[in-house]
Structure formats: C-alpha cells, structure tokens
Protein backbone atom coordinates (compact mmCIF):
# COMPACT_ATOMS: atom_id res chain seq x y z
CA UNK A 1 -218.10 -73.08 -4.31
CA UNK A 2 -215.10 -75.58 -4.87
CA UNK A 3 -212.33 -74.85 -2.62
CA UNK A 4 -208.54 -75.96 -3.03
CA UNK A 5 -208.98 -79.59 -2.55
CA UNK A 6 -211.87 -79.71 -4.90
CA UNK A 7 -209.97 -77.83 -7.62
CA UNK A 8 -206.76 -79.62 -6.81
CA UNK A 9 -208.61 -82.97 -7.44
CA UNK A 10 -209.94 -81.49 -10.71
CA UNK A 11 -206.53 -80.21 -11.62
CA UNK A 12 -205.02 -83.88 -11.17
CA UNK A 13 -207.63 -85.45 -12.88
CA UNK A 14 -207.41 -83.19 -15.92
CA UNK A 15 -203.66 -83.25 -15.95
CA UNK A 16 -203.84 -87.22 -16.09
CA UNK A 17 -206.41 -87.14 -18.97
CA UNK A 18 -205.32 -84.43 -21.36
CA UNK A 19 -201.70 -83.33 -21.12
CA UNK A 20 -200.18 -84.13 -24.57
CA UNK A 21 -203.34 -83.35 -26.54
CA UNK A 22 -203.49 -80.73 -28.93
CA UNK A 23 -206.25 -78.21 -29.16
CA UNK A 24 -207.83 -78.02 -32.77
CA UNK A 25 -210.60 -75.70 -32.14
CA UNK A 26 -212.47 -73.65 -29.51
CA UNK A 27 -216.17 -72.99 -29.43
CA UNK A 28 -218.22 -70.71 -27.08
CA UNK A 29 -221.94 -70.49 -26.31
CA UNK A 30 -221.76 -66.55 -26.71
CA UNK A 31 -223.09 -65.90 -22.99
CA UNK A 32 -221.22 -64.00 -20.46
CA UNK A 33 -220.11 -65.44 -17.38
CA UNK A 34 -219.25 -64.09 -14.06
CA UNK A 35 -220.26 -60.24 -13.69
CA UNK A 36 -221.64 -60.50 -17.16
CA UNK A 37 -217.93 -60.70 -18.49
CA UNK A 38 -217.65 -61.92 -22.06
CA UNK A 39 -215.26 -64.72 -22.76
CA UNK A 40 -212.38 -63.80 -24.84
CA UNK A 41 -212.71 -66.61 -27.23
CA UNK A 42 -210.44 -64.90 -29.59
CA UNK A 43 -207.76 -64.90 -27.02
CA UNK A 44 -208.31 -68.36 -25.84
CA UNK A 45 -207.71 -69.34 -29.42
CA UNK A 46 -204.84 -67.62 -30.15
CA UNK A 47 -202.97 -68.90 -27.16
CA UNK A 48 -204.35 -72.61 -27.46
CA UNK A 49 -205.47 -73.60 -31.00
CA UNK A 50 -202.56 -75.83 -32.83
CA UNK A 51 -200.76 -76.24 -29.50
CA UNK A 52 -200.46 -79.39 -27.17
CA UNK A 53 -201.62 -78.95 -23.35
CA UNK A 54 -198.49 -79.08 -21.26
CA UNK A 55 -199.77 -79.00 -17.79
CA UNK A 56 -202.92 -78.49 -15.74
CA UNK A 57 -202.31 -77.01 -12.36
CA UNK A 58 -203.70 -75.02 -9.74
CA UNK A 59 -203.23 -71.67 -7.86
CA UNK A 60 -205.57 -71.05 -4.99
CA UNK A 61 -209.10 -71.80 -6.39
CA UNK A 62 -207.82 -71.18 -9.89
CA UNK A 63 -207.49 -73.93 -12.69
CA UNK A 64 -204.70 -73.21 -14.84
CA UNK A 65 -204.36 -74.99 -18.58
CA UNK A 66 -200.80 -74.42 -20.09
CA UNK A 67 -200.13 -74.74 -23.60
CA UNK A 68 -196.65 -75.55 -25.50
CA UNK A 69 -195.22 -72.14 -26.49
CA UNK A 70 -191.77 -71.19 -28.04
CA UNK A 71 -191.01 -68.90 -24.98
CA UNK A 72 -191.41 -71.39 -22.28
CA UNK A 73 -190.67 -68.54 -19.70
CA UNK A 74 -193.70 -66.67 -20.70
CA UNK A 75 -195.78 -69.73 -19.85
CA UNK A 76 -199.10 -68.59 -21.80
CA UNK A 77 -202.45 -70.47 -20.88
CA UNK A 78 -205.82 -70.14 -19.91
CA UNK A 79 -207.03 -69.34 -16.12
CA UNK A 80 -210.48 -70.62 -15.07
CA UNK A 81 -212.64 -70.38 -12.12
CA UNK A 82 -215.28 -72.44 -11.55
CA UNK A 83 -217.56 -70.23 -9.13
CA UNK A 84 -220.57 -72.00 -7.80
CA UNK A 85 -221.45 -74.51 -10.05
CA UNK A 86 -218.70 -74.85 -12.90
CA UNK A 87 -217.38 -78.36 -14.09
CA UNK A 88 -214.44 -78.93 -16.45
CA UNK A 89 -215.13 -82.28 -18.10
CA UNK A 90 -213.29 -84.31 -20.89
CA UNK A 91 -215.76 -86.03 -23.20
CA UNK A 92 -216.00 -88.03 -26.15
CA UNK A 93 -216.50 -85.86 -29.30
CA UNK A 94 -219.55 -87.92 -30.03
CA UNK A 95 -221.33 -87.38 -26.50
CA UNK A 96 -223.96 -84.68 -26.71
CA UNK A 97 -223.13 -81.51 -24.86
CA UNK A 98 -224.74 -80.79 -21.52
CA UNK A 99 -227.08 -77.83 -21.08
CA UNK A 100 -225.06 -74.87 -20.01
CA UNK A 101 -221.85 -75.77 -21.60
CA UNK A 102 -220.03 -72.59 -22.23
CA UNK A 103 -216.55 -73.09 -23.58
CA UNK A 104 -215.28 -76.37 -25.59
CA UNK A 105 -211.57 -77.05 -26.35
CA UNK A 106 -211.78 -79.91 -29.08
CA UNK A 107 -208.85 -82.03 -28.98
CA UNK A 108 -206.91 -84.28 -31.74
CA UNK A 109 -208.04 -87.42 -29.97
CA UNK A 110 -211.83 -87.43 -30.70
CA UNK A 111 -212.43 -85.67 -27.25
CA UNK A 112 -213.56 -82.44 -25.80
CA UNK A 113 -212.70 -80.39 -22.85
CA UNK A 114 -216.03 -78.84 -21.81
CA UNK A 115 -216.59 -75.72 -19.42
CA UNK A 116 -220.22 -76.09 -17.96
CA UNK A 117 -221.69 -73.57 -15.50
CA UNK A 118 -225.37 -73.57 -14.99
CA UNK A 119 -225.44 -70.68 -12.69
CA UNK A 120 -222.61 -68.64 -14.58
CA UNK A 121 -220.55 -67.59 -11.58
CA UNK A 122 -217.49 -69.01 -13.09
CA UNK A 123 -215.08 -67.69 -15.74
CA UNK A 124 -212.36 -68.49 -18.13
CA UNK A 125 -209.97 -66.18 -19.77
CA UNK A 126 -206.59 -66.12 -21.50
CA UNK A 127 -203.18 -65.35 -19.82
CA UNK A 128 -199.97 -64.19 -21.49
CA UNK A 129 -198.42 -65.57 -18.42
CA UNK A 130 -199.68 -68.08 -15.64
CA UNK A 131 -196.98 -66.97 -13.52
CA UNK A 132 -197.83 -63.25 -13.71
CA UNK A 133 -201.45 -63.02 -14.63
CA UNK A 134 -203.34 -60.12 -12.73
CA UNK A 135 -205.89 -62.41 -10.83
CA UNK A 136 -203.00 -64.56 -9.72
CA UNK A 137 -200.78 -61.75 -8.71
CA UNK A 138 -203.44 -60.48 -6.48
CA UNK A 139 -203.38 -64.04 -4.36
CA UNK A 140 -201.91 -64.57 -1.19
CA UNK A 141 -199.68 -67.66 -0.66
CA UNK A 142 -200.80 -71.17 -1.45
CA UNK A 143 -201.12 -72.74 2.07
CA UNK A 144 -199.72 -76.27 0.64
CA UNK A 145 -196.70 -74.97 -1.16
CA UNK A 146 -196.07 -71.17 -0.20
CA UNK A 147 -197.02 -70.76 3.52
CA UNK A 148 -194.84 -71.48 6.59
CA UNK A 149 -195.49 -70.62 10.22
CA UNK A 150 -193.33 -67.54 9.98
CA UNK A 151 -195.26 -66.02 7.35
CA UNK A 152 -198.63 -66.91 8.71
CA UNK A 153 -197.62 -65.01 11.78
CA UNK A 154 -196.34 -62.20 9.97
CA UNK A 155 -199.53 -61.99 8.12
CA UNK A 156 -201.82 -62.57 11.44
CA UNK A 157 -199.78 -59.70 13.22
CA UNK A 158 -201.94 -56.46 13.66
CA UNK A 159 -204.66 -57.96 11.64
CA UNK A 160 -208.18 -56.85 13.17
CA UNK A 161 -210.46 -59.10 11.48
CA UNK A 162 -211.98 -62.29 13.10
CA UNK A 163 -209.67 -64.98 12.14
CA UNK A 164 -212.42 -66.77 9.84
CA UNK A 165 -212.82 -63.66 7.65
CA UNK A 166 -208.87 -63.49 7.60
CA UNK A 167 -208.74 -67.08 6.23
CA UNK A 168 -211.29 -66.55 3.80
CA UNK A 169 -209.57 -63.23 2.44
CA UNK A 170 -208.01 -64.79 -0.93
CA UNK A 171 -205.54 -61.81 -0.72
CA UNK A 172 -204.10 -62.86 2.57
CA UNK A 173 -204.11 -66.74 1.97
CA UNK A 174 -205.35 -68.49 -1.42
CA UNK A 175 -207.70 -71.44 -1.50
CA UNK A 176 -209.27 -71.38 1.63
CA UNK A 177 -213.09 -71.50 1.69
CA UNK A 178 -216.09 -71.69 4.38
CA UNK A 179 -215.69 -75.61 4.65
CA UNK A 180 -212.06 -75.91 5.32
CA UNK A 181 -211.62 -72.96 7.33
CA UNK A 182 -214.37 -74.17 9.88
CA UNK A 183 -212.48 -77.56 9.99
CA UNK A 184 -208.90 -75.80 10.46
CA UNK A 185 -210.22 -73.62 13.13
CA UNK A 186 -211.78 -76.95 14.96
CA UNK A 187 -208.36 -78.62 14.59
CA UNK A 188 -206.36 -75.86 15.77
CA UNK A 189 -208.88 -75.11 18.85
CA UNK A 190 -209.61 -71.60 17.75
CA UNK A 191 -212.91 -69.75 17.91
CA UNK A 192 -213.78 -68.34 14.59
CA UNK A 193 -214.52 -65.01 15.93
CA UNK A 194 -211.13 -64.38 17.54
CA UNK A 195 -209.37 -61.36 16.39
CA UNK A 196 -206.53 -62.48 13.73
CA UNK A 197 -203.79 -60.61 15.63
CA UNK A 198 -204.50 -62.59 18.78
CA UNK A 199 -203.96 -65.93 17.01
CA UNK A 200 -200.25 -65.19 16.16
CA UNK A 201 -199.01 -67.47 19.16
CA UNK A 202 -201.03 -70.14 17.65
CA UNK A 203 -199.71 -69.87 13.95
CA UNK A 204 -198.20 -73.28 14.04
CA UNK A 205 -201.38 -74.93 15.26
CA UNK A 206 -203.19 -73.13 12.88
CA UNK A 207 -200.99 -73.77 9.96
CA UNK A 208 -201.04 -77.71 10.92
CA UNK A 209 -205.01 -77.43 11.09
CA UNK A 210 -205.17 -75.75 7.73
CA UNK A 211 -202.77 -78.35 5.88
CA UNK A 212 -204.22 -81.33 7.59
CA UNK A 213 -207.92 -80.32 6.68
CA UNK A 214 -206.83 -79.54 2.95
CA UNK A 215 -204.73 -82.84 2.47
CA UNK A 216 -207.62 -85.01 3.91
CA UNK A 217 -209.86 -83.39 1.56
CA UNK A 218 -207.44 -84.04 -1.36
CA UNK A 219 -207.11 -87.56 -0.49
CA UNK A 220 -210.94 -88.04 -0.28
CA UNK A 221 -211.03 -86.21 -3.62
CA UNK A 222 -213.07 -83.19 -2.24
CA UNK A 223 -216.10 -82.61 -0.53
CA UNK A 224 -219.48 -82.89 -2.29
CA UNK A 225 -222.25 -81.09 -0.69
CA UNK A 226 -224.38 -80.38 -3.88
CA UNK A 227 -222.84 -79.71 -7.12
CA UNK A 228 -219.23 -80.46 -6.98
CA UNK A 229 -217.91 -83.35 -8.99
CA UNK A 230 -214.44 -84.28 -10.22
CA UNK A 231 -212.85 -84.35 -13.69
CA UNK A 232 -214.64 -87.74 -14.26
CA UNK A 233 -217.80 -86.88 -13.17
CA UNK A 234 -217.53 -88.48 -9.78
CA UNK A 235 -218.50 -86.95 -6.32
CA UNK A 236 -216.00 -86.56 -3.53
CA UNK A 237 -215.85 -88.67 -0.64
CA UNK A 238 -214.86 -85.80 2.05
CA UNK A 239 -218.13 -84.99 3.56
CA UNK A 240 -218.11 -88.02 5.67
CA UNK A 241 -214.70 -86.86 7.06
CA UNK A 242 -215.62 -83.38 8.04
CA UNK A 243 -215.46 -82.95 11.78
CA UNK A 244 -217.86 -79.69 12.31
CA UNK A 245 -219.00 -78.45 9.02
CA UNK A 246 -222.58 -79.08 8.36
CA UNK A 247 -222.74 -81.01 11.67
CA UNK A 248 -224.89 -78.50 13.84
CA UNK A 249 -226.31 -80.38 16.71
CA UNK A 250 -224.04 -83.37 16.27
CA UNK A 251 -221.40 -84.47 18.81
CA UNK A 252 -218.06 -82.97 18.40
CA UNK A 253 -215.50 -85.70 17.46
CA UNK A 254 -212.94 -84.60 20.39
CA UNK A 255 -214.93 -83.75 23.34
CA UNK A 256 -218.60 -84.93 22.41
CA UNK A 257 -220.22 -81.42 22.88
CA UNK A 258 -223.01 -80.43 20.58
CA UNK A 259 -221.63 -78.73 17.56
CA UNK A 260 -222.94 -75.00 17.09
CA UNK A 261 -223.70 -72.89 14.09
CA UNK A 262 -223.68 -69.09 13.86
CA UNK A 263 -223.97 -67.02 10.77
CA UNK A 264 -221.02 -64.50 9.86
CA UNK A 265 -221.22 -62.20 6.96
CA UNK A 266 -224.11 -64.36 5.57
CA UNK A 267 -222.03 -67.48 5.88
CA UNK A 268 -222.64 -70.57 8.26
CA UNK A 269 -219.80 -71.21 10.68
CA UNK A 270 -219.69 -74.43 12.60
CA UNK A 271 -217.74 -74.82 15.62
CA UNK A 272 -217.38 -76.86 19.14
CA UNK A 273 -218.21 -74.40 22.17
CA UNK A 274 -216.01 -76.54 24.31
CA UNK A 275 -212.88 -77.15 21.98
CA UNK A 276 -212.94 -73.64 20.69
CA UNK A 277 -213.99 -71.68 23.55
CA UNK A 278 -213.64 -67.83 23.26
CA UNK A 279 -210.66 -66.21 24.97
CA UNK A 280 -208.27 -69.47 24.53
CA UNK A 281 -206.25 -67.49 21.93
CA UNK A 282 -203.35 -65.03 23.59
CA UNK A 283 -201.72 -62.06 21.85
CA UNK A 284 -198.19 -62.96 21.19
CA UNK A 285 -196.46 -60.82 23.57
CA UNK A 286 -198.50 -62.72 26.34
CA UNK A 287 -197.68 -65.96 25.22
CA UNK A 288 -193.90 -65.17 25.08
CA UNK A 289 -194.11 -63.79 28.69
CA UNK A 290 -195.61 -66.94 29.82
CA UNK A 291 -193.11 -69.20 28.38
CA UNK A 292 -190.54 -66.94 29.75
CA UNK A 293 -191.96 -67.81 33.32
C-alpha cells in the first residue's frame, strides 16, 4: 500500500501537471471499489464539472483534489485513497484507457485524469470540505507538518500497544505504513515490540527517525516494491535506500549484524537485533530520575 512518501510524490506530480485545468466531464466504470462502496459519480460531478483544479494535496495517505468555488472557506473537493494497487495518471485524451480504469476526469486541455485500480481496494468520494471531511477528521496528526516532540510524547503516554502497532494506527499518527515504520524504528534504535508507553523518553529520537525516513522516501520519489508508480508512471527509487525493510539476512548498515524478520498481526517486521535490542527503552519516569543523578 502506498504510504506517505508515495502519496506525497503523486500529489506533487499531479499538482504540477493539472492545477489550472478545468474539468469538463466525469466518467465512471460503474463498479464498486473498497468494501463494495459505489462511487458517488453524481456527487463528484457536482463538485468538479465546470470548475478548475486549484490544488492537489495530501493528508496522511489520502489524496485531495480541490476545485474552484465561490465559497473558498468551504474548500470542496474529492478525496481519494489508492488502497493496494490504485494509481492516478494523467493521460492524453486519445490514449487507450488501461484495464481497471474506474473514474476519469476529462480536462479542457485534451487530457484525462484517470483512477486505475486492479484490486479495487482504493476508493474516491466527493467531500463538501477537504478540511473537515469525516475520513480526514478521524486521522491523527501528519508527522511532517502537524507533529512535534511534545505531542508525540503525549500520545505515547499510557499507550499499551507495541510501538509498531501504535505507529501504524492512523488515528494516532497519519500516513505511516509498514515500510517507513520499520525504517523509523531502526533509526531510533527501538525494538518494534516495545510497549509504546516505554518510548516516551525517546520521543525526540523517534520523531527524528520518522521524519528522516519519510523525507528520504519523498526525495527518492517513493518505494516501489511491486505496484507503486508516480503520477507519470515512473517507479520510485527509495528501495535501494532502505536500511532494514525487506533485507532479512543482510547486514545492518550500522553494526553489520544480520537483519531479522518477524511477523506481527500478519505483517512482516524487519529489525536489527543488536541496534534494536529489547529493553533499551525506559519509562519516562525512570529516564527523568537517571538524568537527575
């Protein structure tokens, strides 16, 4: 599933390509998407047809398409989630549509914005407000724009979940997935099964690990393991920069120990058994006492 760096890469590419274009029509395949949800084509048409695209943005793993409106504060638009295999591509009007194309925005410059999703785990829906839509309001803070050390420490306090599960919970922090959580925990030297509450004293290191991993992913235009491509159809280059994810049995880039893999809640977790030893994290009260000495 595309994570924050992949979605940010797509958003930037689309923003540069289609802002200013006016939507003249919206087509749909008629097939339901994630959880058999029917696409609200009429709602999308009401918000977009006849209007110019003013912004393509991101919140967590969601793509946001904003359209010109007389009430700028309302900020109406379309919210899209790419699921496992979704793609948003800009193609010439004359180009054949790929199989599994489900929503198409026809633009006034002889191009189309096409939502393609072979596995149909993604979805797209109209929103009267991109600032207060229900899906977006349920998200935690964006780690690159809305999260600081104090807020991360506050959210960690009292949390019983393992730190990896904590970070994957989109209501706690938005945008993180399996790849970048593994990378961030390695950078912060935190074992993935450590209870989140025991990481409070390491909030600064954890936030730095999160931001560094995400920013590197964005700089490399995302991580392509199988399906992901950017808005122009190009694969991301970040796989070569990964420290631990997908590198079971390879040497840790810090200490040369063999990277290990475990399965947690059906997902692969990669870590270094030396850099990320169990028990390295301490509860915040113990850390404060240690500093006081």
